[in-house]
Structures are given as structure tokens and as C-alpha cells.
Amino acid sequence: MSGIDIPDSHPDQPDAETLLRRVVEIITNAKSLPLSTSVRIEKDEVLELLEEAVARFPDELREARWLLKERQEFLDKVQREGDDILEAARARAERMVQRTEIVRQAQHTAQITVERAQEEARRLRHEAEDYCDQKLGAFESVLDRTIKTVQAGRDKLRVSLPPADADVDDDRLRDSFFDQDS
């Protein structure tokens, strides 16, 4: 980017996306329990990583807001400079009414400066929007993968009910199975 430095509040610590990727890796590499398709994961470790990732999001959002604030300050500065140039051009034009060519030259220069400033402002706005979109897209992707992984784990944990034609009393069947979603 154009010389703008984004402050990094955790330079030696992983960002939220890295933490979420570690959670996915832990779940993916979890060992199966003996004689079962279920896997064992360290709940505390996964929860700690997820909580740390959630704690990182405000920092990343704050960085995006900081970038937007910097962009707005730059726009304001450029607008002030443009206004100053226009005001200087008007004052000069008033002093040199008989020299219309000089007045036209000053107006043209001021207009070019304002157009350049507006173009730079548009560029910075697009960069800030792209940065935010990239961060949100990466977060969305990680969340999608995490949701799919969690759903797959839940699917594996569900107990299969016996077929409907089996000679089993429905009340006994209901009492013998615990449905966590009920």
C-alpha cells in the first residue's frame, strides 16, 4: 500500500485465522477411540484455541477500522489542501482580473489537484474495502470449514435407531435412548 502502516497489536501471537486452522487440525488429526468410529479430542485445548481466536477478532476489526480512519483523515487532508488551492486560485484571480489566462491556469491546476486527490481517495477506499473483504472472506471460509467439521463429528456421534418393523415397544425404545436435541 501507499506507505500506510497498520498497527499490529499482537506481533508475536497468531491471528484468529491461524488459531481456527489449528482447531481444525486438532479435530482432523484426532485419534479414534478403540473399537469405535468416534474420536477423542482435548476439549480444553480446542476451547482455549477457539476463545483465543474470538478474542483476536476485535483486534483485526480494530485494525480495519484504523485503516478506514486513516483513509478518512487522508481524504480530509487532501480536501483541505484542495480547498486551500482553490481559495488561493480565487484570490489570485481577483487580483489579476485583467489576466484571464493566469486565472484559467490556476483553476485548471486546482482542478487537477482535486481530481488527483479524489482519485487517490478512491484508490485508498478500494484498498481498505478489499482488505476488509479479504479478512471477512478468510474468516467466513474458516468458519464454514469448522461448522462442517463439527457437523461431521455430530453425525458420527448420533445413535442409529432400529428399523421401524422391529418388535420393540415404542415406550421402551424412547426410554432406552437419550436424544440430546429433544
C-alpha atoms as a PDB file:
ATOM      1  CA  MET A   1       0.000   0.000   0.000  1.00  0.00           C
ATOM      2  CA  SER A   2       0.966   3.631  -0.138  1.00  0.00           C
ATOM      3  CA  GLY A   3       3.136   3.835   2.965  1.00  0.00           C
ATOM      4  CA  ILE A   4       0.324   3.296   5.489  1.00  0.00           C
ATOM      5  CA  ASP A   5       1.337   1.038   8.357  1.00  0.00           C
ATOM      6  CA  ILE A   6      -1.382  -0.903  10.142  1.00  0.00           C
ATOM      7  CA  PRO A   7      -0.650  -1.272  13.851  1.00  0.00           C
ATOM      8  CA  ASP A   8      -0.224  -4.861  14.940  1.00  0.00           C
ATOM      9  CA  SER A   9      -1.457  -5.348  18.492  1.00  0.00           C
ATOM     10  CA  HIS A  10      -0.158  -8.940  18.713  1.00  0.00           C
ATOM     11  CA  PRO A  11       3.035  -9.081  16.611  1.00  0.00           C
ATOM     12  CA  ASP A  12       4.332 -12.314  18.174  1.00  0.00           C
ATOM     13  CA  GLN A  13       0.985 -14.106  18.535  1.00  0.00           C
ATOM     14  CA  PRO A  14      -1.014 -15.924  15.831  1.00  0.00           C
ATOM     15  CA  ASP A  15      -4.060 -14.257  14.306  1.00  0.00           C
ATOM     16  CA  ALA A  16      -7.629 -15.583  14.598  1.00  0.00           C
ATOM     17  CA  GLU A  17      -7.499 -17.482  11.316  1.00  0.00           C
ATOM     18  CA  THR A  18      -4.325 -19.337  12.347  1.00  0.00           C
ATOM     19  CA  LEU A  19      -5.927 -20.315  15.666  1.00  0.00           C
ATOM     20  CA  LEU A  20      -9.048 -21.605  13.928  1.00  0.00           C
ATOM     21  CA  ARG A  21      -6.918 -23.581  11.483  1.00  0.00           C
ATOM     22  CA  ARG A  22      -5.193 -25.195  14.490  1.00  0.00           C
ATOM     23  CA  VAL A  23      -8.610 -26.223  15.867  1.00  0.00           C
ATOM     24  CA  VAL A  24      -9.498 -27.797  12.516  1.00  0.00           C
ATOM     25  CA  GLU A  25      -6.117 -29.578  12.501  1.00  0.00           C
ATOM     26  CA  ILE A  26      -6.676 -30.914  16.021  1.00  0.00           C
ATOM     27  CA  ILE A  27     -10.109 -32.235  15.068  1.00  0.00           C
ATOM     28  CA  THR A  28      -8.839 -33.654  11.775  1.00  0.00           C
ATOM     29  CA  ASN A  29      -5.892 -35.432  13.409  1.00  0.00           C
ATOM     30  CA  ALA A  30      -7.864 -36.717  16.399  1.00  0.00           C
ATOM     31  CA  LYS A  31      -7.246 -40.403  17.158  1.00  0.00           C
ATOM     32  CA  SER A  32     -10.161 -42.860  17.014  1.00  0.00           C
ATOM     33  CA  LEU A  33     -11.271 -44.480  20.225  1.00  0.00           C
ATOM     34  CA  PRO A  34     -10.581 -48.234  20.357  1.00  0.00           C
ATOM     35  CA  LEU A  35     -13.346 -50.311  18.740  1.00  0.00           C
ATOM     36  CA  SER A  36     -15.235 -47.163  17.739  1.00  0.00           C
ATOM     37  CA  THR A  37     -15.563 -44.643  14.939  1.00  0.00           C
ATOM     38  CA  SER A  38     -15.712 -41.843  17.487  1.00  0.00           C
ATOM     39  CA  VAL A  39     -12.664 -39.681  18.033  1.00  0.00           C
ATOM     40  CA  ARG A  40     -11.146 -38.200  21.154  1.00  0.00           C
ATOM     41  CA  ILE A  41     -10.158 -34.566  21.251  1.00  0.00           C
ATOM     42  CA  GLU A  42      -8.906 -32.462  24.098  1.00  0.00           C
ATOM     43  CA  LYS A  43     -11.900 -30.281  24.883  1.00  0.00           C
ATOM     44  CA  ASP A  44      -9.915 -27.762  26.941  1.00  0.00           C
ATOM     45  CA  GLU A  45      -7.311 -27.308  24.223  1.00  0.00           C
ATOM     46  CA  VAL A  46      -9.936 -26.772  21.494  1.00  0.00           C
ATOM     47  CA  LEU A  47     -11.988 -24.403  23.662  1.00  0.00           C
ATOM     48  CA  GLU A  48      -8.882 -22.418  24.583  1.00  0.00           C
ATOM     49  CA  LEU A  49      -7.946 -22.006  20.909  1.00  0.00           C
ATOM     50  CA  LEU A  50     -11.495 -21.005  19.960  1.00  0.00           C
ATOM     51  CA  GLU A  51     -11.702 -18.474  22.799  1.00  0.00           C
ATOM     52  CA  GLU A  52      -8.351 -17.007  21.834  1.00  0.00           C
ATOM     53  CA  ALA A  53      -9.485 -16.755  18.177  1.00  0.00           C
ATOM     54  CA  VAL A  54     -12.664 -14.974  19.231  1.00  0.00           C
ATOM     55  CA  ALA A  55     -10.574 -12.607  21.343  1.00  0.00           C
ATOM     56  CA  ARG A  56      -8.407 -11.790  18.291  1.00  0.00           C
ATOM     57  CA  PHE A  57     -11.338 -10.716  16.094  1.00  0.00           C
ATOM     58  CA  PRO A  58     -11.797  -7.345  17.788  1.00  0.00           C
ATOM     59  CA  ASP A  59      -8.101  -6.597  17.159  1.00  0.00           C
ATOM     60  CA  GLU A  60      -8.413  -7.409  13.474  1.00  0.00           C
ATOM     61  CA  LEU A  61     -11.608  -5.403  13.205  1.00  0.00           C
ATOM     62  CA  ARG A  62      -9.940  -2.538  15.065  1.00  0.00           C
ATOM     63  CA  GLU A  63      -7.101  -2.672  12.517  1.00  0.00           C
ATOM     64  CA  ALA A  64      -9.628  -2.468   9.678  1.00  0.00           C
ATOM     65  CA  ARG A  65     -11.367   0.471  11.378  1.00  0.00           C
ATOM     66  CA  TRP A  66      -7.989   2.134  11.880  1.00  0.00           C
ATOM     67  CA  LEU A  67      -7.290   1.756   8.165  1.00  0.00           C
ATOM     68  CA  LEU A  68     -10.659   3.311   7.338  1.00  0.00           C
ATOM     69  CA  LYS A  69      -9.971   6.163   9.792  1.00  0.00           C
ATOM     70  CA  GLU A  70      -6.572   6.774   8.180  1.00  0.00           C
ATOM     71  CA  ARG A  71      -8.256   6.845   4.780  1.00  0.00           C
ATOM     72  CA  GLN A  72     -10.824   9.396   6.009  1.00  0.00           C
ATOM     73  CA  GLU A  73      -8.110  11.569   7.567  1.00  0.00           C
ATOM     74  CA  PHE A  74      -6.213  11.466   4.277  1.00  0.00           C
ATOM     75  CA  LEU A  75      -9.373  12.422   2.382  1.00  0.00           C
ATOM     76  CA  ASP A  76      -9.992  15.313   4.769  1.00  0.00           C
ATOM     77  CA  LYS A  77      -6.394  16.498   4.447  1.00  0.00           C
ATOM     78  CA  VAL A  78      -6.484  16.304   0.667  1.00  0.00           C
ATOM     79  CA  GLN A  79      -9.846  18.081   0.626  1.00  0.00           C
ATOM     80  CA  ARG A  80      -8.417  20.859   2.820  1.00  0.00           C
ATOM     81  CA  GLU A  81      -5.383  21.136   0.560  1.00  0.00           C
ATOM     82  CA  GLY A  82      -7.666  21.226  -2.460  1.00  0.00           C
ATOM     83  CA  ASP A  83      -9.841  23.883  -0.815  1.00  0.00           C
ATOM     84  CA  ASP A  84      -6.709  25.902   0.034  1.00  0.00           C
ATOM     85  CA  ILE A  85      -5.514  25.676  -3.556  1.00  0.00           C
ATOM     86  CA  LEU A  86      -8.930  26.711  -4.862  1.00  0.00           C
ATOM     87  CA  GLU A  87      -9.076  29.623  -2.430  1.00  0.00           C
ATOM     88  CA  ALA A  88      -5.577  30.706  -3.448  1.00  0.00           C
ATOM     89  CA  ALA A  89      -6.609  30.486  -7.086  1.00  0.00           C
ATOM     90  CA  ARG A  90      -9.706  32.619  -6.443  1.00  0.00           C
ATOM     91  CA  ALA A  91      -7.681  35.246  -4.597  1.00  0.00           C
ATOM     92  CA  ARG A  92      -5.143  35.349  -7.364  1.00  0.00           C
ATOM     93  CA  ALA A  93      -7.849  35.604  -9.980  1.00  0.00           C
ATOM     94  CA  GLU A  94      -9.407  38.543  -8.195  1.00  0.00           C
ATOM     95  CA  ARG A  95      -6.057  40.337  -8.100  1.00  0.00           C
ATOM     96  CA  MET A  96      -5.421  39.677 -11.746  1.00  0.00           C
ATOM     97  CA  VAL A  97      -8.837  40.136 -13.292  1.00  0.00           C
ATOM     98  CA  GLN A  98      -7.393  41.513 -16.499  1.00  0.00           C
ATOM     99  CA  ARG A  99      -5.183  38.424 -16.908  1.00  0.00           C
ATOM    100  CA  THR A 100      -7.775  35.738 -17.570  1.00  0.00           C
ATOM    101  CA  GLU A 101      -5.214  33.279 -18.827  1.00  0.00           C
ATOM    102  CA  ILE A 102      -3.488  33.177 -15.414  1.00  0.00           C
ATOM    103  CA  VAL A 103      -6.846  32.700 -13.713  1.00  0.00           C
ATOM    104  CA  ARG A 104      -7.705  29.822 -16.055  1.00  0.00           C
ATOM    105  CA  GLN A 105      -4.296  28.267 -15.401  1.00  0.00           C
ATOM    106  CA  ALA A 106      -4.775  28.416 -11.622  1.00  0.00           C
ATOM    107  CA  GLN A 107      -8.274  26.957 -11.843  1.00  0.00           C
ATOM    108  CA  HIS A 108      -7.004  24.184 -14.081  1.00  0.00           C
ATOM    109  CA  THR A 109      -4.176  23.367 -11.658  1.00  0.00           C
ATOM    110  CA  ALA A 110      -6.571  23.366  -8.714  1.00  0.00           C
ATOM    111  CA  GLN A 111      -8.990  21.150 -10.592  1.00  0.00           C
ATOM    112  CA  ILE A 112      -6.232  18.686 -11.498  1.00  0.00           C
ATOM    113  CA  THR A 113      -5.049  18.610  -7.881  1.00  0.00           C
ATOM    114  CA  VAL A 114      -8.572  17.951  -6.599  1.00  0.00           C
ATOM    115  CA  GLU A 115      -9.113  15.243  -9.241  1.00  0.00           C
ATOM    116  CA  ARG A 116      -5.840  13.577  -8.279  1.00  0.00           C
ATOM    117  CA  ALA A 117      -6.792  13.748  -4.616  1.00  0.00           C
ATOM    118  CA  GLN A 118     -10.209  12.254  -5.335  1.00  0.00           C
ATOM    119  CA  GLU A 119      -8.595   9.521  -7.424  1.00  0.00           C
ATOM    120  CA  GLU A 120      -6.156   8.744  -4.586  1.00  0.00           C
ATOM    121  CA  ALA A 121      -9.056   8.755  -2.112  1.00  0.00           C
ATOM    122  CA  ARG A 122     -10.989   6.285  -4.292  1.00  0.00           C
ATOM    123  CA  ARG A 123      -7.928   4.075  -4.542  1.00  0.00           C
ATOM    124  CA  LEU A 124      -7.418   4.103  -0.759  1.00  0.00           C
ATOM    125  CA  ARG A 125     -11.116   3.400  -0.157  1.00  0.00           C
ATOM    126  CA  HIS A 126     -10.957   0.407  -2.523  1.00  0.00           C
ATOM    127  CA  GLU A 127      -7.813  -0.873  -0.802  1.00  0.00           C
ATOM    128  CA  ALA A 128      -9.481  -0.568   2.602  1.00  0.00           C
ATOM    129  CA  GLU A 129     -12.603  -2.321   1.344  1.00  0.00           C
ATOM    130  CA  ASP A 130     -10.508  -5.068  -0.268  1.00  0.00           C
ATOM    131  CA  TYR A 131      -8.577  -5.552   2.971  1.00  0.00           C
ATOM    132  CA  CYS A 132     -11.784  -5.837   4.998  1.00  0.00           C
ATOM    133  CA  ASP A 133     -13.336  -8.156   2.406  1.00  0.00           C
ATOM    134  CA  GLN A 134     -10.267 -10.413   2.416  1.00  0.00           C
ATOM    135  CA  LYS A 135     -10.265 -10.658   6.208  1.00  0.00           C
ATOM    136  CA  LEU A 136     -14.015 -11.345   6.350  1.00  0.00           C
ATOM    137  CA  GLY A 137     -13.768 -13.856   3.482  1.00  0.00           C
ATOM    138  CA  ALA A 138     -10.975 -15.743   5.214  1.00  0.00           C
ATOM    139  CA  PHE A 139     -12.945 -15.745   8.457  1.00  0.00           C
ATOM    140  CA  GLU A 140     -16.060 -16.983   6.616  1.00  0.00           C
ATOM    141  CA  SER A 141     -14.069 -19.780   4.991  1.00  0.00           C
ATOM    142  CA  VAL A 142     -12.587 -20.895   8.315  1.00  0.00           C
ATOM    143  CA  LEU A 143     -15.997 -20.800   9.966  1.00  0.00           C
ATOM    144  CA  ASP A 144     -17.559 -22.824   7.117  1.00  0.00           C
ATOM    145  CA  ARG A 145     -14.877 -25.497   7.463  1.00  0.00           C
ATOM    146  CA  THR A 146     -15.234 -25.516  11.246  1.00  0.00           C
ATOM    147  CA  ILE A 147     -19.021 -25.858  11.004  1.00  0.00           C
ATOM    148  CA  LYS A 148     -18.671 -28.728   8.526  1.00  0.00           C
ATOM    149  CA  THR A 149     -16.145 -30.449  10.772  1.00  0.00           C
ATOM    150  CA  VAL A 150     -18.354 -30.034  13.825  1.00  0.00           C
ATOM    151  CA  GLN A 151     -21.407 -31.267  11.893  1.00  0.00           C
ATOM    152  CA  ALA A 152     -19.492 -34.322  10.677  1.00  0.00           C
ATOM    153  CA  GLY A 153     -18.433 -35.054  14.250  1.00  0.00           C
ATOM    154  CA  ARG A 154     -22.003 -34.740  15.482  1.00  0.00           C
ATOM    155  CA  ASP A 155     -23.225 -37.005  12.699  1.00  0.00           C
ATOM    156  CA  LYS A 156     -20.730 -39.664  13.784  1.00  0.00           C
ATOM    157  CA  LEU A 157     -21.943 -39.404  17.374  1.00  0.00           C
ATOM    158  CA  ARG A 158     -25.640 -39.919  16.585  1.00  0.00           C
ATOM    159  CA  VAL A 159     -27.013 -43.333  17.636  1.00  0.00           C
ATOM    160  CA  SER A 160     -28.854 -45.274  14.906  1.00  0.00           C
ATOM    161  CA  LEU A 161     -32.391 -46.360  15.866  1.00  0.00           C
ATOM    162  CA  PRO A 162     -33.551 -49.942  14.993  1.00  0.00           C
ATOM    163  CA  PRO A 163     -35.788 -50.329  11.892  1.00  0.00           C
ATOM    164  CA  ALA A 164     -39.491 -49.462  12.314  1.00  0.00           C
ATOM    165  CA  ASP A 165     -40.678 -53.062  11.683  1.00  0.00           C
ATOM    166  CA  ALA A 166     -38.733 -54.492  14.653  1.00  0.00           C
ATOM    167  CA  ASP A 167     -40.856 -55.951  17.517  1.00  0.00           C
ATOM    168  CA  VAL A 168     -39.893 -53.332  20.088  1.00  0.00           C
ATOM    169  CA  ASP A 169     -42.250 -51.453  22.328  1.00  0.00           C
ATOM    170  CA  ASP A 170     -42.117 -47.711  21.372  1.00  0.00           C
ATOM    171  CA  ASP A 171     -42.248 -46.566  25.025  1.00  0.00           C
ATOM    172  CA  ARG A 172     -39.341 -48.822  25.980  1.00  0.00           C
ATOM    173  CA  LEU A 173     -37.428 -47.647  22.896  1.00  0.00           C
ATOM    174  CA  ARG A 174     -37.937 -43.993  23.812  1.00  0.00           C
ATOM    175  CA  ASP A 175     -36.870 -44.630  27.397  1.00  0.00           C
ATOM    176  CA  SER A 176     -33.744 -46.504  26.323  1.00  0.00           C
ATOM    177  CA  PHE A 177     -32.334 -43.766  24.048  1.00  0.00           C
ATOM    178  CA  PHE A 178     -31.382 -40.255  25.072  1.00  0.00           C
ATOM    179  CA  ASP A 179     -31.826 -37.650  22.327  1.00  0.00           C
ATOM    180  CA  GLN A 180     -29.746 -34.581  23.152  1.00  0.00           C
ATOM    181  CA  ASP A 181     -31.745 -32.446  20.698  1.00  0.00           C
ATOM    182  CA  SER A 182     -35.113 -33.157  22.376  1.00  0.00           C
END
